[in-house]
Protein backbone atom coordinates (compact mmCIF):
# COMPACT_ATOMS: atom_id res chain seq x y z
CA MET A 1 90.92 -139.04 168.09
CA ILE A 2 89.16 -140.26 164.98
CA TYR A 3 85.99 -142.28 165.45
CA ILE A 4 84.80 -144.69 162.77
CA PHE A 5 81.23 -145.91 163.23
CA GLU A 6 79.51 -148.80 161.51
CA PHE A 7 75.84 -149.50 162.17
CA LYS A 8 73.98 -152.74 161.56
CA MET A 9 70.25 -153.32 161.67
CA ASP A 10 69.21 -156.61 163.26
CA GLY A 11 72.79 -157.87 163.05
CA SER A 12 75.57 -157.68 165.60
CA ALA A 13 78.08 -155.13 166.79
CA LYS A 14 80.83 -157.67 166.22
CA ASP A 15 79.86 -157.93 162.53
CA ALA A 16 80.00 -154.15 162.29
CA LEU A 17 83.55 -154.07 163.68
CA GLU A 18 84.59 -156.86 161.33
CA GLN A 19 83.26 -154.84 158.38
CA ILE A 20 85.34 -151.82 159.43
CA ASP A 21 88.46 -154.00 159.33
CA ARG A 22 87.50 -156.04 156.25
CA ARG A 23 86.84 -152.95 154.12
CA ASP A 24 89.86 -151.03 155.49
CA TYR A 25 87.86 -147.95 156.51
CA PRO A 26 90.76 -146.68 158.72
CA ILE A 27 93.26 -146.68 155.84
CA ALA A 28 92.31 -143.12 154.89
CA TYR A 29 93.48 -141.94 158.31
CA GLN A 30 96.56 -144.09 158.87
CA ASN A 31 99.01 -141.21 158.33
CA ASP A 32 97.00 -138.72 160.37
CA GLY A 33 98.75 -139.50 163.65
CA ARG A 34 95.62 -139.42 165.78
CA LYS A 35 94.31 -142.50 167.57
CA ILE A 36 91.59 -144.35 165.64
CA VAL A 37 88.63 -145.67 167.60
CA LYS A 38 86.34 -148.17 165.90
CA VAL A 39 82.73 -148.40 167.06
CA GLY A 40 80.33 -151.12 165.95
CA MET A 41 76.65 -150.72 166.78
CA ASN A 42 73.50 -152.74 166.25
CA TYR A 43 69.99 -151.34 165.98
CA SER A 44 67.09 -153.67 166.70
CA SER A 45 64.04 -152.97 164.58
CA ALA A 46 61.89 -155.03 166.97
CA ASP A 47 63.04 -153.08 170.05
CA ARG A 48 63.41 -149.81 168.11
CA GLN A 49 66.68 -148.94 169.83
CA LEU A 50 70.40 -149.58 169.89
CA THR A 51 70.82 -152.94 171.54
CA GLU A 52 74.54 -153.62 171.27
CA TRP A 53 77.82 -151.80 170.75
CA CYS A 54 81.51 -152.62 170.81
CA ILE A 55 84.47 -150.28 170.90
CA ARG A 56 87.94 -151.20 169.73
């Protein structure tokens, strides 16, 4: 498997996943044959921790 991570600060995990798709990050691996897993994560500066994540 190939994991593609995108992190946002004080944003949303959904926005991070949308950026992965919008900027075609997986295109470099499309002929690899392995499954691509996209992970969007949000870090809260107020809470000082990861507060949200989505996997697609």
